Amino acid sequence: MGVASQSDDRGPGEIGHGARSSQEPFEFAADATAEGRKWIATLPALIRKLSLQWGLRIEEAKPERGYSGIVMLARRGDEPCVLKVTWPQNRTADEVRVLAAWDGHGAVRLLESSEEHGAVLLERLNSRKTLGELNLFDAACVAGQLLRRLAIPAPEGFRSLQDVAKEIVETLSQTSGSR
């Protein structure tokens, strides 16, 4: 996904021509409610506001979108990054807390966040580099190293993995006992 040469001349808050599609209507979970439809209508202005606030240039590439959000390639100065805006906005609260706790060790680095707007600015990862390129042994080693980096104490307010596992075991025991 390249950047048009003129994009380097654009300042913060300016959106490239390829990003025009961020102003097109999307099929989102937000379509189901009046509040959600209002969010969709204000999305272009929100993207512009966040771009100005965080000093971003949105790149020419077409935004990626899913059922509950949009992801746009951006740059802050020379730093490639990704702007992710999600509906409903409160979906990002746990994501922000856990990414801040990992601080880029084994997970994408959180650069900025606005829980009020359901937005996060993330470092851009290389989507072309995957474990699928490695032989099984090497992929397992990398995955193991990654899991060790991610194994940190749960941030305040999060349930521990041990508690979640216990709950799953109890639920399975109750479900299998009722048969």
N, C-alpha and C. Protein backbone atom coordinates (compact mmCIF):
# COMPACT_ATOMS: atom_id res chain seq x y z
N MET A 1 0.84 -1.16 0.00
CA MET A 1 0.00 0.00 0.00
C MET A 1 0.89 1.22 0.00
N GLY A 2 1.06 1.78 -1.14
CA GLY A 2 1.98 2.89 -1.26
C GLY A 2 1.35 4.22 -0.92
N VAL A 3 2.21 5.17 -0.76
CA VAL A 3 1.79 6.53 -0.47
C VAL A 3 2.10 7.36 -1.69
N ALA A 4 1.14 8.11 -2.17
CA ALA A 4 1.38 8.99 -3.31
C ALA A 4 2.44 10.01 -2.94
N SER A 5 3.26 10.38 -3.90
CA SER A 5 4.37 11.28 -3.60
C SER A 5 3.89 12.61 -3.03
N GLN A 6 2.72 13.08 -3.43
CA GLN A 6 2.24 14.35 -2.92
C GLN A 6 1.81 14.27 -1.46
N SER A 7 1.63 13.06 -0.93
CA SER A 7 1.15 12.95 0.45
C SER A 7 2.16 13.52 1.44
N ASP A 8 3.44 13.53 1.08
CA ASP A 8 4.44 14.08 1.98
C ASP A 8 4.29 15.59 2.11
N ASP A 9 3.62 16.22 1.14
CA ASP A 9 3.42 17.65 1.18
C ASP A 9 2.22 18.05 2.03
N ARG A 10 1.39 17.05 2.35
CA ARG A 10 0.19 17.35 3.13
C ARG A 10 0.56 17.49 4.60
N GLY A 11 -0.15 18.34 5.29
CA GLY A 11 0.09 18.54 6.71
C GLY A 11 -0.84 17.68 7.54
N PRO A 12 -0.68 17.76 8.85
CA PRO A 12 -1.56 17.01 9.75
C PRO A 12 -3.03 17.35 9.50
N GLY A 13 -3.86 16.33 9.55
CA GLY A 13 -5.29 16.51 9.36
C GLY A 13 -5.74 16.44 7.93
N GLU A 14 -4.79 16.45 6.98
CA GLU A 14 -5.16 16.37 5.58
C GLU A 14 -5.27 14.91 5.18
N ILE A 15 -6.34 14.61 4.45
CA ILE A 15 -6.63 13.25 4.05
C ILE A 15 -6.38 13.11 2.57
N GLY A 16 -5.64 12.07 2.18
CA GLY A 16 -5.33 11.83 0.77
C GLY A 16 -6.55 11.42 -0.03
N HIS A 17 -6.43 11.49 -1.35
CA HIS A 17 -7.56 11.19 -2.24
C HIS A 17 -8.06 9.77 -2.05
N GLY A 18 -7.17 8.81 -1.87
CA GLY A 18 -7.58 7.42 -1.69
C GLY A 18 -8.37 7.22 -0.42
N ALA A 19 -8.23 8.11 0.52
CA ALA A 19 -8.95 8.00 1.78
C ALA A 19 -10.36 8.56 1.68
N ARG A 20 -10.73 9.07 0.50
CA ARG A 20 -12.08 9.59 0.33
C ARG A 20 -13.12 8.56 0.72
N SER A 21 -12.78 7.29 0.51
CA SER A 21 -13.75 6.24 0.82
C SER A 21 -14.11 6.22 2.30
N SER A 22 -13.33 6.91 3.16
CA SER A 22 -13.70 7.00 4.57
C SER A 22 -14.96 7.83 4.73
N GLN A 23 -15.35 8.58 3.69
CA GLN A 23 -16.55 9.40 3.76
C GLN A 23 -17.75 8.68 3.16
N GLU A 24 -17.54 7.51 2.58
CA GLU A 24 -18.64 6.74 2.02
C GLU A 24 -19.35 6.01 3.14
N PRO A 25 -20.64 5.72 2.95
CA PRO A 25 -21.34 4.96 4.00
C PRO A 25 -20.77 3.55 4.11
N PHE A 26 -20.73 3.04 5.32
CA PHE A 26 -20.22 1.72 5.58
C PHE A 26 -21.32 0.85 6.15
N GLU A 27 -21.19 -0.45 6.00
CA GLU A 27 -22.07 -1.38 6.69
C GLU A 27 -21.40 -1.71 8.01
N PHE A 28 -21.91 -1.14 9.07
CA PHE A 28 -21.35 -1.31 10.40
C PHE A 28 -22.43 -1.83 11.33
N ALA A 29 -21.99 -2.36 12.45
CA ALA A 29 -22.92 -2.70 13.52
C ALA A 29 -23.68 -1.44 13.93
N ALA A 30 -23.05 -0.30 13.75
CA ALA A 30 -23.65 0.97 14.13
C ALA A 30 -24.91 1.27 13.34
N ASP A 31 -25.09 0.65 12.15
CA ASP A 31 -26.29 0.89 11.34
C ASP A 31 -27.58 0.55 12.08
N ALA A 32 -27.49 -0.28 13.09
CA ALA A 32 -28.69 -0.80 13.76
C ALA A 32 -29.37 0.20 14.69
N THR A 33 -28.68 1.28 15.05
CA THR A 33 -29.27 2.24 15.99
C THR A 33 -29.15 3.66 15.45
N ALA A 34 -30.02 4.53 15.93
CA ALA A 34 -29.95 5.94 15.53
C ALA A 34 -28.63 6.55 15.97
N GLU A 35 -28.19 6.21 17.17
CA GLU A 35 -26.91 6.73 17.68
C GLU A 35 -25.76 6.25 16.79
N GLY A 36 -25.81 4.99 16.38
CA GLY A 36 -24.78 4.43 15.51
C GLY A 36 -24.77 5.09 14.15
N ARG A 37 -25.95 5.34 13.58
CA ARG A 37 -26.01 6.00 12.28
C ARG A 37 -25.46 7.42 12.37
N LYS A 38 -25.68 8.08 13.51
CA LYS A 38 -25.11 9.42 13.72
C LYS A 38 -23.59 9.32 13.75
N TRP A 39 -23.05 8.27 14.41
CA TRP A 39 -21.60 8.05 14.45
C TRP A 39 -21.05 7.89 13.04
N ILE A 40 -21.71 7.10 12.21
CA ILE A 40 -21.25 6.88 10.84
C ILE A 40 -21.23 8.21 10.09
N ALA A 41 -22.26 9.01 10.26
CA ALA A 41 -22.34 10.31 9.57
C ALA A 41 -21.22 11.25 10.00
N THR A 42 -20.80 11.15 11.25
CA THR A 42 -19.77 12.06 11.75
C THR A 42 -18.35 11.49 11.62
N LEU A 43 -18.24 10.28 11.08
CA LEU A 43 -16.93 9.62 10.98
C LEU A 43 -15.90 10.45 10.22
N PRO A 44 -16.20 11.01 9.05
CA PRO A 44 -15.18 11.82 8.36
C PRO A 44 -14.67 12.98 9.22
N ALA A 45 -15.57 13.67 9.91
CA ALA A 45 -15.15 14.78 10.77
C ALA A 45 -14.32 14.28 11.95
N LEU A 46 -14.69 13.12 12.49
CA LEU A 46 -13.94 12.54 13.60
C LEU A 46 -12.53 12.17 13.17
N ILE A 47 -12.41 11.58 12.00
CA ILE A 47 -11.08 11.21 11.48
C ILE A 47 -10.24 12.46 11.28
N ARG A 48 -10.83 13.50 10.75
CA ARG A 48 -10.11 14.77 10.55
C ARG A 48 -9.67 15.35 11.91
N LYS A 49 -10.58 15.33 12.89
CA LYS A 49 -10.27 15.86 14.23
C LYS A 49 -9.11 15.09 14.87
N LEU A 50 -9.17 13.75 14.82
CA LEU A 50 -8.10 12.94 15.40
C LEU A 50 -6.79 13.15 14.66
N SER A 51 -6.87 13.31 13.34
CA SER A 51 -5.66 13.56 12.55
C SER A 51 -4.99 14.85 12.96
N LEU A 52 -5.78 15.88 13.18
CA LEU A 52 -5.22 17.16 13.63
C LEU A 52 -4.68 17.05 15.05
N GLN A 53 -5.44 16.42 15.93
CA GLN A 53 -5.04 16.29 17.34
C GLN A 53 -3.74 15.51 17.47
N TRP A 54 -3.56 14.46 16.68
CA TRP A 54 -2.39 13.59 16.82
C TRP A 54 -1.33 13.86 15.76
N GLY A 55 -1.53 14.90 14.93
CA GLY A 55 -0.53 15.27 13.93
C GLY A 55 -0.36 14.22 12.84
N LEU A 56 -1.46 13.69 12.32
CA LEU A 56 -1.42 12.60 11.35
C LEU A 56 -1.67 13.09 9.93
N ARG A 57 -1.07 12.39 8.99
CA ARG A 57 -1.44 12.48 7.57
C ARG A 57 -2.02 11.13 7.22
N ILE A 58 -3.29 11.09 6.81
CA ILE A 58 -3.90 9.85 6.40
C ILE A 58 -3.39 9.52 5.00
N GLU A 59 -2.94 8.29 4.80
CA GLU A 59 -2.34 7.90 3.53
C GLU A 59 -3.39 7.62 2.46
N GLU A 60 -2.91 7.52 1.25
CA GLU A 60 -3.75 7.35 0.08
C GLU A 60 -4.46 6.00 0.03
N ALA A 61 -3.95 5.01 0.72
CA ALA A 61 -4.51 3.66 0.66
C ALA A 61 -5.96 3.64 1.11
N LYS A 62 -6.73 2.75 0.51
CA LYS A 62 -8.14 2.59 0.90
C LYS A 62 -8.22 2.07 2.33
N PRO A 63 -9.09 2.65 3.14
CA PRO A 63 -9.22 2.19 4.53
C PRO A 63 -9.71 0.75 4.59
N GLU A 64 -9.28 0.05 5.61
CA GLU A 64 -9.81 -1.27 5.89
C GLU A 64 -10.99 -1.07 6.81
N ARG A 65 -12.02 -1.85 6.64
CA ARG A 65 -13.16 -1.71 7.52
C ARG A 65 -13.72 -3.07 7.86
N GLY A 66 -14.29 -3.10 9.02
CA GLY A 66 -14.93 -4.30 9.49
C GLY A 66 -16.33 -3.95 9.96
N TYR A 67 -16.94 -4.88 10.62
CA TYR A 67 -18.31 -4.69 11.05
C TYR A 67 -18.43 -3.63 12.13
N SER A 68 -17.37 -3.44 12.90
CA SER A 68 -17.47 -2.50 14.01
C SER A 68 -16.40 -1.43 14.01
N GLY A 69 -15.77 -1.17 12.87
CA GLY A 69 -14.78 -0.12 12.86
C GLY A 69 -14.08 0.06 11.53
N ILE A 70 -13.15 1.01 11.54
CA ILE A 70 -12.37 1.35 10.35
C ILE A 70 -10.91 1.51 10.76
N VAL A 71 -10.02 1.09 9.88
CA VAL A 71 -8.58 1.21 10.11
C VAL A 71 -7.99 1.92 8.90
N MET A 72 -7.23 2.99 9.18
CA MET A 72 -6.62 3.77 8.12
C MET A 72 -5.12 3.87 8.33
N LEU A 73 -4.38 3.71 7.24
CA LEU A 73 -2.93 3.90 7.30
C LEU A 73 -2.65 5.39 7.43
N ALA A 74 -1.70 5.72 8.27
CA ALA A 74 -1.38 7.13 8.51
C ALA A 74 0.12 7.26 8.77
N ARG A 75 0.55 8.49 8.83
CA ARG A 75 1.93 8.82 9.22
C ARG A 75 1.87 9.97 10.19
N ARG A 76 2.74 9.88 11.19
CA ARG A 76 2.95 11.00 12.10
C ARG A 76 4.41 11.36 11.94
N GLY A 77 4.66 12.45 11.21
CA GLY A 77 6.02 12.75 10.81
C GLY A 77 6.47 11.65 9.86
N ASP A 78 7.60 11.04 10.17
CA ASP A 78 8.10 9.93 9.34
C ASP A 78 7.64 8.57 9.86
N GLU A 79 6.90 8.56 10.96
CA GLU A 79 6.51 7.30 11.60
C GLU A 79 5.24 6.73 10.97
N PRO A 80 5.34 5.52 10.37
CA PRO A 80 4.13 4.88 9.87
C PRO A 80 3.29 4.36 11.03
N CYS A 81 2.00 4.59 10.97
CA CYS A 81 1.12 4.15 12.04
C CYS A 81 -0.25 3.82 11.46
N VAL A 82 -1.16 3.41 12.33
CA VAL A 82 -2.50 3.01 11.94
C VAL A 82 -3.50 3.70 12.86
N LEU A 83 -4.50 4.33 12.28
CA LEU A 83 -5.59 4.93 13.04
C LEU A 83 -6.77 3.97 12.98
N LYS A 84 -7.22 3.56 14.15
CA LYS A 84 -8.35 2.63 14.25
C LYS A 84 -9.46 3.32 15.03
N VAL A 85 -10.66 3.38 14.43
CA VAL A 85 -11.82 3.98 15.08
C VAL A 85 -12.90 2.91 15.14
N THR A 86 -13.46 2.71 16.34
CA THR A 86 -14.35 1.59 16.59
C THR A 86 -15.70 2.04 17.12
N TRP A 87 -16.74 1.27 16.75
CA TRP A 87 -18.10 1.47 17.28
C TRP A 87 -18.52 0.20 18.00
N PRO A 88 -19.18 0.25 19.10
CA PRO A 88 -19.36 1.45 19.91
C PRO A 88 -18.05 1.85 20.55
N GLN A 89 -17.95 3.11 20.92
CA GLN A 89 -16.68 3.67 21.38
C GLN A 89 -16.11 2.94 22.59
N ASN A 90 -16.95 2.42 23.46
CA ASN A 90 -16.44 1.78 24.67
C ASN A 90 -15.73 0.45 24.40
N ARG A 91 -15.77 -0.04 23.17
CA ARG A 91 -15.09 -1.29 22.84
C ARG A 91 -13.57 -1.18 22.99
N THR A 92 -13.04 0.01 22.96
CA THR A 92 -11.58 0.16 22.99
C THR A 92 -11.01 0.23 24.41
N ALA A 93 -11.85 0.35 25.42
CA ALA A 93 -11.36 0.56 26.78
C ALA A 93 -10.40 -0.55 27.23
N ASP A 94 -10.80 -1.80 27.12
CA ASP A 94 -9.93 -2.90 27.54
C ASP A 94 -8.71 -3.01 26.63
N GLU A 95 -8.91 -2.79 25.33
CA GLU A 95 -7.81 -2.84 24.38
C GLU A 95 -6.73 -1.83 24.76
N VAL A 96 -7.13 -0.63 25.08
CA VAL A 96 -6.19 0.43 25.46
C VAL A 96 -5.42 0.02 26.71
N ARG A 97 -6.12 -0.48 27.70
CA ARG A 97 -5.47 -0.86 28.96
C ARG A 97 -4.45 -1.98 28.77
N VAL A 98 -4.81 -3.00 28.02
CA VAL A 98 -3.89 -4.12 27.86
C VAL A 98 -2.71 -3.76 26.95
N LEU A 99 -2.97 -2.99 25.88
CA LEU A 99 -1.86 -2.58 25.02
C LEU A 99 -0.89 -1.66 25.76
N ALA A 100 -1.42 -0.81 26.61
CA ALA A 100 -0.56 0.05 27.43
C ALA A 100 0.29 -0.80 28.38
N ALA A 101 -0.31 -1.84 28.94
CA ALA A 101 0.43 -2.72 29.86
C ALA A 101 1.53 -3.48 29.13
N TRP A 102 1.26 -3.96 27.93
CA TRP A 102 2.29 -4.69 27.16
C TRP A 102 3.35 -3.74 26.62
N ASP A 103 2.99 -2.49 26.36
CA ASP A 103 3.92 -1.45 25.91
C ASP A 103 4.79 -1.89 24.74
N GLY A 104 4.19 -2.58 23.78
CA GLY A 104 4.92 -2.98 22.58
C GLY A 104 5.76 -4.23 22.73
N HIS A 105 5.75 -4.86 23.89
CA HIS A 105 6.53 -6.09 24.11
C HIS A 105 5.67 -7.30 23.77
N GLY A 106 5.75 -7.76 22.52
CA GLY A 106 4.99 -8.91 22.08
C GLY A 106 3.66 -8.55 21.45
N ALA A 107 3.30 -7.29 21.45
CA ALA A 107 2.05 -6.82 20.84
C ALA A 107 2.32 -5.46 20.20
N VAL A 108 1.41 -5.05 19.38
CA VAL A 108 1.53 -3.74 18.74
C VAL A 108 1.61 -2.65 19.81
N ARG A 109 2.42 -1.63 19.55
CA ARG A 109 2.59 -0.54 20.51
C ARG A 109 1.46 0.49 20.34
N LEU A 110 0.86 0.84 21.45
CA LEU A 110 -0.16 1.88 21.50
C LEU A 110 0.54 3.23 21.54
N LEU A 111 0.23 4.10 20.57
CA LEU A 111 0.86 5.41 20.51
C LEU A 111 -0.03 6.49 21.13
N GLU A 112 -1.33 6.41 20.87
CA GLU A 112 -2.30 7.39 21.41
C GLU A 112 -3.63 6.67 21.55
N SER A 113 -4.50 7.24 22.37
CA SER A 113 -5.85 6.69 22.46
C SER A 113 -6.83 7.78 22.86
N SER A 114 -8.06 7.58 22.43
CA SER A 114 -9.18 8.44 22.84
C SER A 114 -10.36 7.51 23.08
N GLU A 115 -10.53 7.11 24.33
CA GLU A 115 -11.64 6.22 24.65
C GLU A 115 -12.97 6.91 24.36
N GLU A 116 -13.01 8.22 24.53
CA GLU A 116 -14.23 8.99 24.24
C GLU A 116 -14.69 8.79 22.80
N HIS A 117 -13.72 8.69 21.89
CA HIS A 117 -14.03 8.55 20.47
C HIS A 117 -13.86 7.12 19.96
N GLY A 118 -13.48 6.19 20.83
CA GLY A 118 -13.27 4.81 20.39
C GLY A 118 -12.12 4.70 19.41
N ALA A 119 -11.09 5.49 19.62
CA ALA A 119 -9.98 5.56 18.66
C ALA A 119 -8.66 5.20 19.31
N VAL A 120 -7.83 4.51 18.53
CA VAL A 120 -6.47 4.23 18.96
C VAL A 120 -5.54 4.50 17.78
N LEU A 121 -4.36 4.97 18.11
CA LEU A 121 -3.29 5.13 17.14
C LEU A 121 -2.25 4.09 17.50
N LEU A 122 -1.94 3.23 16.54
CA LEU A 122 -1.04 2.11 16.78
C LEU A 122 0.17 2.17 15.87
N GLU A 123 1.27 1.59 16.32
CA GLU A 123 2.39 1.45 15.41
C GLU A 123 1.94 0.55 14.26
N ARG A 124 2.51 0.73 13.10
CA ARG A 124 2.14 -0.09 11.95
C ARG A 124 3.05 -1.32 11.89
N LEU A 125 2.42 -2.47 11.82
CA LEU A 125 3.17 -3.72 11.70
C LEU A 125 3.26 -4.12 10.24
N ASN A 126 4.19 -5.01 9.94
CA ASN A 126 4.35 -5.53 8.59
C ASN A 126 3.41 -6.72 8.41
N SER A 127 2.30 -6.51 7.72
CA SER A 127 1.31 -7.57 7.55
C SER A 127 1.78 -8.67 6.62
N ARG A 128 2.86 -8.44 5.92
CA ARG A 128 3.37 -9.46 4.99
C ARG A 128 4.30 -10.45 5.68
N LYS A 129 4.71 -10.14 6.88
CA LYS A 129 5.63 -11.01 7.62
C LYS A 129 4.82 -11.82 8.63
N THR A 130 4.69 -13.11 8.37
CA THR A 130 3.87 -13.96 9.23
C THR A 130 4.63 -15.21 9.64
N LEU A 131 4.12 -15.90 10.65
CA LEU A 131 4.73 -17.17 11.06
C LEU A 131 4.56 -18.23 9.98
N GLY A 132 3.60 -18.03 9.09
CA GLY A 132 3.38 -18.98 7.99
C GLY A 132 4.58 -19.09 7.06
N GLU A 133 5.47 -18.12 7.09
CA GLU A 133 6.67 -18.13 6.25
C GLU A 133 7.76 -19.04 6.82
N LEU A 134 7.64 -19.41 8.09
CA LEU A 134 8.66 -20.19 8.76
C LEU A 134 8.30 -21.67 8.77
N ASN A 135 9.34 -22.51 8.94
CA ASN A 135 9.04 -23.93 9.13
C ASN A 135 8.38 -24.09 10.50
N LEU A 136 7.74 -25.20 10.71
CA LEU A 136 6.93 -25.41 11.91
C LEU A 136 7.74 -25.23 13.20
N PHE A 137 8.94 -25.78 13.26
CA PHE A 137 9.77 -25.67 14.47
C PHE A 137 10.09 -24.21 14.78
N ASP A 138 10.55 -23.47 13.76
CA ASP A 138 10.91 -22.06 13.97
C ASP A 138 9.68 -21.23 14.35
N ALA A 139 8.55 -21.51 13.71
CA ALA A 139 7.31 -20.80 14.03
C ALA A 139 6.90 -21.07 15.48
N ALA A 140 7.05 -22.31 15.94
CA ALA A 140 6.70 -22.65 17.32
C ALA A 140 7.63 -21.92 18.30
N CYS A 141 8.91 -21.80 17.96
CA CYS A 141 9.85 -21.07 18.82
C CYS A 141 9.47 -19.60 18.92
N VAL A 142 9.15 -18.98 17.79
CA VAL A 142 8.76 -17.57 17.80
C VAL A 142 7.47 -17.40 18.59
N ALA A 143 6.50 -18.28 18.38
CA ALA A 143 5.23 -18.19 19.10
C ALA A 143 5.46 -18.35 20.60
N GLY A 144 6.33 -19.25 20.99
CA GLY A 144 6.65 -19.44 22.41
C GLY A 144 7.28 -18.20 23.02
N GLN A 145 8.21 -17.59 22.29
CA GLN A 145 8.85 -16.36 22.77
C GLN A 145 7.82 -15.24 22.91
N LEU A 146 6.92 -15.17 21.95
CA LEU A 146 5.88 -14.15 21.98
C LEU A 146 4.96 -14.35 23.19
N LEU A 147 4.56 -15.57 23.44
CA LEU A 147 3.70 -15.86 24.59
C LEU A 147 4.38 -15.51 25.91
N ARG A 148 5.69 -15.75 26.00
CA ARG A 148 6.41 -15.38 27.23
C ARG A 148 6.40 -13.86 27.43
N ARG A 149 6.55 -13.11 26.34
CA ARG A 149 6.52 -11.64 26.45
C ARG A 149 5.15 -11.14 26.87
N LEU A 150 4.11 -11.81 26.40
CA LEU A 150 2.75 -11.38 26.71
C LEU A 150 2.28 -11.82 28.09
N ALA A 151 3.00 -12.76 28.69
CA ALA A 151 2.61 -13.29 30.01
C ALA A 151 3.04 -12.33 31.11
N ILE A 152 2.22 -11.34 31.35
CA ILE A 152 2.48 -10.35 32.40
C ILE A 152 1.31 -10.39 33.38
N PRO A 153 1.49 -9.88 34.57
CA PRO A 153 0.34 -9.80 35.48
C PRO A 153 -0.77 -8.96 34.84
N ALA A 154 -1.99 -9.40 35.04
CA ALA A 154 -3.13 -8.67 34.46
C ALA A 154 -3.18 -7.25 35.04
N PRO A 155 -3.44 -6.26 34.17
CA PRO A 155 -3.59 -4.90 34.68
C PRO A 155 -4.74 -4.83 35.68
N GLU A 156 -4.70 -3.85 36.54
CA GLU A 156 -5.74 -3.66 37.55
C GLU A 156 -7.11 -3.69 36.90
N GLY A 157 -8.01 -4.48 37.48
CA GLY A 157 -9.38 -4.55 36.98
C GLY A 157 -9.63 -5.67 35.99
N PHE A 158 -8.59 -6.31 35.49
CA PHE A 158 -8.76 -7.43 34.57
C PHE A 158 -8.78 -8.73 35.36
N ARG A 159 -9.57 -9.67 34.88
CA ARG A 159 -9.54 -11.00 35.49
C ARG A 159 -8.28 -11.71 35.02
N SER A 160 -7.69 -12.51 35.89
CA SER A 160 -6.49 -13.25 35.50
C SER A 160 -6.91 -14.40 34.59
N LEU A 161 -5.98 -14.86 33.79
CA LEU A 161 -6.24 -16.00 32.92
C LEU A 161 -6.61 -17.23 33.74
N GLN A 162 -5.99 -17.37 34.90
CA GLN A 162 -6.31 -18.48 35.80
C GLN A 162 -7.78 -18.42 36.22
N ASP A 163 -8.28 -17.24 36.56
CA ASP A 163 -9.68 -17.09 36.93
C ASP A 163 -10.61 -17.41 35.76
N VAL A 164 -10.25 -16.96 34.58
CA VAL A 164 -11.05 -17.24 33.39
C VAL A 164 -11.09 -18.74 33.13
N ALA A 165 -9.93 -19.40 33.26
CA ALA A 165 -9.86 -20.85 33.04
C ALA A 165 -10.71 -21.60 34.06
N LYS A 166 -10.66 -21.18 35.32
CA LYS A 166 -11.49 -21.81 36.36
C LYS A 166 -12.98 -21.68 36.02
N GLU A 167 -13.37 -20.51 35.57
CA GLU A 167 -14.76 -20.27 35.20
C GLU A 167 -15.18 -21.18 34.05
N ILE A 168 -14.31 -21.34 33.07
CA ILE A 168 -14.60 -22.23 31.93
C ILE A 168 -14.77 -23.66 32.41
N VAL A 169 -13.87 -24.12 33.28
CA VAL A 169 -13.95 -25.48 33.81
C VAL A 169 -15.26 -25.67 34.58
N GLU A 170 -15.62 -24.72 35.42
CA GLU A 170 -16.87 -24.81 36.18
C GLU A 170 -18.08 -24.85 35.26
N THR A 171 -18.08 -24.00 34.24
CA THR A 171 -19.19 -23.97 33.29
C THR A 171 -19.29 -25.28 32.53
N LEU A 172 -18.14 -25.81 32.10
CA LEU A 172 -18.15 -27.09 31.39
C LEU A 172 -18.62 -28.22 32.31
N SER A 173 -18.19 -28.18 33.56
CA SER A 173 -18.62 -29.21 34.52
C SER A 173 -20.13 -29.16 34.72
N GLN A 174 -20.68 -27.96 34.85
CA GLN A 174 -22.12 -27.80 35.04
C GLN A 174 -22.88 -28.26 33.80
N THR A 175 -22.36 -27.90 32.63
CA THR A 175 -23.01 -28.26 31.37
C THR A 175 -22.98 -29.77 31.16
N SER A 176 -21.84 -30.40 31.40
CA SER A 176 -21.74 -31.85 31.19
C SER A 176 -22.50 -32.62 32.26
N GLY A 177 -22.63 -32.05 33.46
CA GLY A 177 -23.37 -32.70 34.55
C GLY A 177 -24.86 -32.68 34.32
N SER A 178 -25.35 -31.75 33.50
CA SER A 178 -26.79 -31.65 33.27
C SER A 178 -27.28 -32.56 32.15
N ARG A 179 -26.39 -33.28 31.51
CA ARG A 179 -26.78 -34.16 30.40
C ARG A 179 -27.21 -35.49 30.87
